[in-house]
């Protein structure tokens, strides 16, 4: 039993048009299992497409992080000074806390 007409049905027509794709004989297979299978495939396709986009975005993010780190390392290396060759050059060590012995 159908409560809502399918697409293409004439609602106010007096000549009694039927819904498009409606089975006139009851000997054929019902359309509901076919529609359920198509809906499941559509949901699966949508899920796979979403997972694909997420994995592509994560791949692009990883590549961006690697390239950005490499660019930063090259930038810092090219702007080094002769004092960078010494150990702890540029480090700020606490002078008052070292070897106080109290």
N, C-alpha and C. Protein backbone atom coordinates (compact mmCIF):
# COMPACT_ATOMS: atom_id res chain seq x y z
N UNK A 1 0.84 -1.17 0.00
CA UNK A 1 0.00 0.00 0.00
C UNK A 1 0.89 1.23 0.00
N UNK A 2 0.58 2.17 -0.86
CA UNK A 2 1.35 3.40 -0.99
C UNK A 2 0.51 4.57 -0.54
N UNK A 3 1.14 5.42 0.24
CA UNK A 3 0.46 6.62 0.69
C UNK A 3 0.87 7.84 -0.13
N UNK A 4 2.14 7.86 -0.59
CA UNK A 4 2.63 8.99 -1.36
C UNK A 4 2.89 8.54 -2.79
N UNK A 5 2.51 9.33 -3.78
CA UNK A 5 2.77 8.95 -5.17
C UNK A 5 4.24 9.15 -5.53
N UNK A 6 4.70 8.40 -6.54
CA UNK A 6 6.06 8.58 -7.04
C UNK A 6 6.11 9.82 -7.90
N UNK A 7 7.33 10.19 -8.34
CA UNK A 7 7.50 11.35 -9.19
C UNK A 7 6.77 11.14 -10.51
N UNK A 8 6.21 12.18 -11.04
CA UNK A 8 5.56 12.13 -12.33
C UNK A 8 4.09 11.77 -12.25
N UNK A 9 3.55 11.65 -11.10
CA UNK A 9 2.15 11.28 -10.97
C UNK A 9 1.27 12.54 -11.08
N UNK A 10 0.17 12.40 -11.74
CA UNK A 10 -0.79 13.50 -11.86
C UNK A 10 -1.73 13.42 -10.67
N UNK A 11 -1.69 14.38 -9.82
CA UNK A 11 -2.50 14.33 -8.60
C UNK A 11 -3.96 14.69 -8.86
N UNK A 12 -4.19 15.72 -9.64
CA UNK A 12 -5.56 16.19 -9.85
C UNK A 12 -6.17 15.71 -11.15
N UNK A 13 -5.50 14.85 -11.83
CA UNK A 13 -5.95 14.41 -13.14
C UNK A 13 -7.19 13.52 -13.02
N UNK A 14 -8.12 13.71 -13.91
CA UNK A 14 -9.33 12.89 -13.89
C UNK A 14 -9.19 11.65 -14.75
N UNK A 15 -8.11 11.57 -15.57
CA UNK A 15 -7.96 10.41 -16.43
C UNK A 15 -7.17 9.29 -15.75
N UNK A 16 -6.82 9.44 -14.48
CA UNK A 16 -6.27 8.34 -13.68
C UNK A 16 -4.87 7.90 -14.09
N UNK A 17 -3.95 8.83 -14.20
CA UNK A 17 -2.59 8.41 -14.54
C UNK A 17 -1.94 7.77 -13.32
N UNK A 18 -1.03 6.85 -13.55
CA UNK A 18 -0.39 6.11 -12.49
C UNK A 18 1.02 6.62 -12.28
N UNK A 19 1.61 6.26 -11.19
CA UNK A 19 2.98 6.66 -10.89
C UNK A 19 3.94 5.99 -11.87
N UNK A 20 5.00 6.69 -12.19
CA UNK A 20 5.99 6.14 -13.12
C UNK A 20 6.73 5.00 -12.44
N UNK A 21 6.88 3.90 -13.14
CA UNK A 21 7.62 2.76 -12.63
C UNK A 21 6.82 1.88 -11.69
N UNK A 22 5.55 2.08 -11.56
CA UNK A 22 4.75 1.27 -10.66
C UNK A 22 4.40 -0.04 -11.36
N UNK A 23 4.54 -1.14 -10.66
CA UNK A 23 4.22 -2.45 -11.23
C UNK A 23 2.71 -2.64 -11.27
N UNK A 24 2.19 -3.06 -12.44
CA UNK A 24 0.76 -3.29 -12.56
C UNK A 24 0.42 -4.73 -12.19
N UNK A 25 1.38 -5.64 -12.36
CA UNK A 25 1.11 -7.02 -11.99
C UNK A 25 1.88 -7.34 -10.72
N UNK A 26 1.34 -8.24 -9.94
CA UNK A 26 1.97 -8.59 -8.67
C UNK A 26 2.91 -9.78 -8.81
N UNK A 27 3.10 -10.30 -10.03
CA UNK A 27 3.95 -11.46 -10.21
C UNK A 27 5.43 -11.09 -10.22
N UNK A 28 5.79 -9.83 -10.51
CA UNK A 28 7.18 -9.39 -10.56
C UNK A 28 7.77 -9.24 -9.17
N UNK A 29 9.07 -9.15 -9.10
CA UNK A 29 9.71 -8.98 -7.79
C UNK A 29 9.42 -7.58 -7.24
N UNK A 30 9.30 -7.47 -5.95
CA UNK A 30 9.04 -6.15 -5.36
C UNK A 30 10.26 -5.25 -5.53
N UNK A 31 10.00 -3.96 -5.62
CA UNK A 31 11.08 -3.00 -5.84
C UNK A 31 11.76 -2.56 -4.56
N UNK A 32 11.19 -2.84 -3.42
CA UNK A 32 11.74 -2.37 -2.16
C UNK A 32 13.11 -2.95 -1.86
N UNK A 33 13.37 -4.27 -2.03
CA UNK A 33 14.73 -4.77 -1.77
C UNK A 33 15.76 -4.18 -2.73
N UNK A 34 15.37 -3.94 -3.98
CA UNK A 34 16.29 -3.34 -4.94
C UNK A 34 16.62 -1.92 -4.51
N UNK A 35 15.62 -1.20 -4.06
CA UNK A 35 15.85 0.17 -3.60
C UNK A 35 16.73 0.18 -2.35
N UNK A 36 16.54 -0.80 -1.47
CA UNK A 36 17.35 -0.88 -0.26
C UNK A 36 18.81 -1.17 -0.61
N UNK A 37 19.04 -2.03 -1.59
CA UNK A 37 20.40 -2.35 -2.01
C UNK A 37 21.05 -1.12 -2.65
N UNK A 38 20.30 -0.40 -3.48
CA UNK A 38 20.83 0.81 -4.10
C UNK A 38 21.15 1.87 -3.06
N UNK A 39 20.30 1.98 -2.05
CA UNK A 39 20.53 2.95 -0.98
C UNK A 39 21.78 2.57 -0.19
N UNK A 40 21.98 1.29 0.07
CA UNK A 40 23.17 0.83 0.80
C UNK A 40 24.43 1.11 -0.01
N UNK A 41 24.36 0.88 -1.33
CA UNK A 41 25.51 1.16 -2.18
C UNK A 41 25.80 2.66 -2.23
N UNK A 42 24.77 3.48 -2.24
CA UNK A 42 24.96 4.92 -2.25
C UNK A 42 25.60 5.38 -0.94
N UNK A 43 25.15 4.82 0.18
CA UNK A 43 25.74 5.17 1.48
C UNK A 43 27.20 4.73 1.54
N UNK A 44 27.47 3.52 1.01
CA UNK A 44 28.85 3.02 1.01
C UNK A 44 29.74 3.88 0.12
N UNK A 45 29.21 4.29 -1.02
CA UNK A 45 29.96 5.15 -1.92
C UNK A 45 30.26 6.50 -1.26
N UNK A 46 29.26 7.04 -0.58
CA UNK A 46 29.44 8.31 0.12
C UNK A 46 30.48 8.18 1.23
N UNK A 47 30.45 7.07 1.95
CA UNK A 47 31.41 6.83 3.03
C UNK A 47 32.82 6.70 2.46
N UNK A 48 32.97 5.94 1.39
CA UNK A 48 34.29 5.78 0.77
C UNK A 48 34.82 7.11 0.23
N UNK A 49 33.94 7.91 -0.34
CA UNK A 49 34.36 9.22 -0.85
C UNK A 49 34.82 10.11 0.30
N UNK A 50 34.11 10.08 1.41
CA UNK A 50 34.49 10.89 2.58
C UNK A 50 35.83 10.43 3.14
N UNK A 51 36.02 9.13 3.27
CA UNK A 51 37.28 8.60 3.78
C UNK A 51 38.42 8.96 2.83
N UNK A 52 38.17 8.92 1.54
CA UNK A 52 39.18 9.30 0.56
C UNK A 52 39.60 10.74 0.69
N UNK A 53 38.63 11.64 0.86
CA UNK A 53 38.94 13.06 1.02
C UNK A 53 39.73 13.31 2.31
N UNK A 54 39.34 12.62 3.38
CA UNK A 54 40.04 12.80 4.65
C UNK A 54 41.48 12.31 4.55
N UNK A 55 41.68 11.16 3.91
CA UNK A 55 43.05 10.65 3.78
C UNK A 55 43.89 11.55 2.87
N UNK A 56 43.28 12.10 1.83
CA UNK A 56 44.02 13.04 0.97
C UNK A 56 44.40 14.30 1.74
N UNK A 57 43.51 14.79 2.57
CA UNK A 57 43.80 15.99 3.37
C UNK A 57 44.92 15.71 4.37
N UNK A 58 44.89 14.55 5.00
CA UNK A 58 45.96 14.22 5.96
C UNK A 58 47.30 14.04 5.24
N UNK A 59 47.28 13.48 4.05
CA UNK A 59 48.51 13.36 3.27
C UNK A 59 49.08 14.71 2.90
N UNK A 60 48.20 15.62 2.48
CA UNK A 60 48.65 16.97 2.13
C UNK A 60 49.19 17.70 3.37
N UNK A 61 48.57 17.49 4.50
CA UNK A 61 49.05 18.09 5.75
C UNK A 61 50.43 17.56 6.11
N UNK A 62 50.63 16.25 6.00
CA UNK A 62 51.93 15.66 6.33
C UNK A 62 53.02 16.19 5.39
N UNK A 63 52.72 16.26 4.12
CA UNK A 63 53.70 16.80 3.16
C UNK A 63 54.00 18.26 3.47
N UNK A 64 53.00 19.03 3.81
CA UNK A 64 53.20 20.44 4.17
C UNK A 64 54.08 20.60 5.40
N UNK A 65 53.87 19.74 6.40
CA UNK A 65 54.70 19.81 7.60
C UNK A 65 56.15 19.46 7.31
N UNK A 66 56.36 18.44 6.50
CA UNK A 66 57.73 18.03 6.17
C UNK A 66 58.44 19.11 5.37
N UNK A 67 57.76 19.65 4.37
CA UNK A 67 58.36 20.71 3.53
C UNK A 67 58.61 21.96 4.36
N UNK A 68 57.69 22.33 5.22
CA UNK A 68 57.87 23.51 6.07
C UNK A 68 59.02 23.36 7.03
N UNK A 69 59.18 22.18 7.60
CA UNK A 69 60.30 21.94 8.51
C UNK A 69 61.63 22.03 7.77
N UNK A 70 61.69 21.47 6.58
CA UNK A 70 62.92 21.53 5.79
C UNK A 70 63.27 22.96 5.41
N UNK A 71 62.28 23.75 5.02
CA UNK A 71 62.52 25.15 4.68
C UNK A 71 63.02 25.93 5.90
N UNK A 72 62.43 25.67 7.06
CA UNK A 72 62.86 26.37 8.28
C UNK A 72 64.29 25.99 8.66
N UNK A 73 64.61 24.71 8.55
CA UNK A 73 65.98 24.29 8.87
C UNK A 73 67.00 24.93 7.93
N UNK A 74 66.68 25.02 6.66
CA UNK A 74 67.59 25.66 5.70
C UNK A 74 67.72 27.15 6.00
N UNK A 75 66.61 27.79 6.36
CA UNK A 75 66.63 29.21 6.69
C UNK A 75 67.54 29.46 7.90
N UNK A 76 67.36 28.65 8.94
CA UNK A 76 68.18 28.83 10.14
C UNK A 76 69.65 28.51 9.86
N UNK A 77 69.91 27.51 9.03
CA UNK A 77 71.29 27.14 8.74
C UNK A 77 71.99 28.23 7.95
N UNK A 78 71.30 28.86 7.03
CA UNK A 78 71.92 29.91 6.21
C UNK A 78 72.15 31.20 6.98
N UNK A 79 71.51 31.39 8.12
CA UNK A 79 71.67 32.61 8.89
C UNK A 79 72.43 32.38 10.20
N UNK A 80 73.29 31.40 10.22
CA UNK A 80 74.08 31.13 11.42
C UNK A 80 75.27 32.10 11.52
N UNK A 81 75.79 32.24 12.71
CA UNK A 81 76.94 33.12 12.96
C UNK A 81 78.15 32.26 13.33
N UNK A 82 79.34 32.85 13.35
CA UNK A 82 80.52 32.06 13.78
C UNK A 82 80.42 31.59 15.22
N UNK A 83 79.67 32.28 16.05
CA UNK A 83 79.54 31.88 17.44
C UNK A 83 78.66 30.64 17.61
N UNK A 84 77.91 30.29 16.58
CA UNK A 84 77.07 29.10 16.66
C UNK A 84 77.90 27.82 16.69
N UNK A 85 79.19 27.89 16.38
CA UNK A 85 80.03 26.70 16.40
C UNK A 85 80.38 26.28 17.82
N UNK A 86 80.31 27.22 18.79
CA UNK A 86 80.63 26.90 20.17
C UNK A 86 79.43 26.24 20.85
N UNK A 87 79.74 25.41 21.81
CA UNK A 87 78.67 24.73 22.55
C UNK A 87 77.87 25.73 23.37
N UNK A 88 76.63 25.61 23.40
CA UNK A 88 75.69 26.44 24.15
C UNK A 88 75.76 27.91 23.76
N UNK A 89 76.10 28.21 22.54
CA UNK A 89 76.14 29.62 22.14
C UNK A 89 74.71 30.13 22.03
N UNK A 90 74.46 31.23 22.67
CA UNK A 90 73.13 31.82 22.64
C UNK A 90 72.21 31.30 23.72
N UNK A 91 72.60 30.27 24.46
CA UNK A 91 71.76 29.77 25.54
C UNK A 91 71.87 30.69 26.73
N UNK A 92 70.78 30.93 27.37
CA UNK A 92 70.79 31.75 28.57
C UNK A 92 70.76 30.82 29.78
N UNK A 93 71.91 30.70 30.44
CA UNK A 93 71.99 29.84 31.61
C UNK A 93 71.79 30.70 32.86
N UNK A 94 71.12 30.19 33.83
CA UNK A 94 70.95 30.95 35.08
C UNK A 94 72.27 31.03 35.84
N UNK A 95 72.80 32.24 36.03
CA UNK A 95 74.09 32.42 36.67
C UNK A 95 74.00 32.24 38.18
N UNK A 96 72.94 32.67 38.80
CA UNK A 96 72.83 32.67 40.25
C UNK A 96 72.61 31.26 40.80
N UNK A 97 72.03 30.38 40.03
CA UNK A 97 71.69 29.05 40.53
C UNK A 97 72.82 28.03 40.36
N UNK A 98 73.85 28.37 39.61
CA UNK A 98 74.90 27.39 39.35
C UNK A 98 75.91 27.35 40.49
N UNK A 99 76.20 26.18 41.00
CA UNK A 99 77.21 25.89 42.04
C UNK A 99 77.11 26.84 43.23
N UNK A 100 75.95 26.95 43.79
CA UNK A 100 75.77 27.83 44.94
C UNK A 100 76.12 27.07 46.22
N UNK A 101 75.86 25.83 46.34
CA UNK A 101 76.29 25.01 47.46
C UNK A 101 75.60 25.28 48.78
N UNK A 102 74.49 25.90 48.84
CA UNK A 102 73.79 26.13 50.11
C UNK A 102 72.78 25.04 50.30
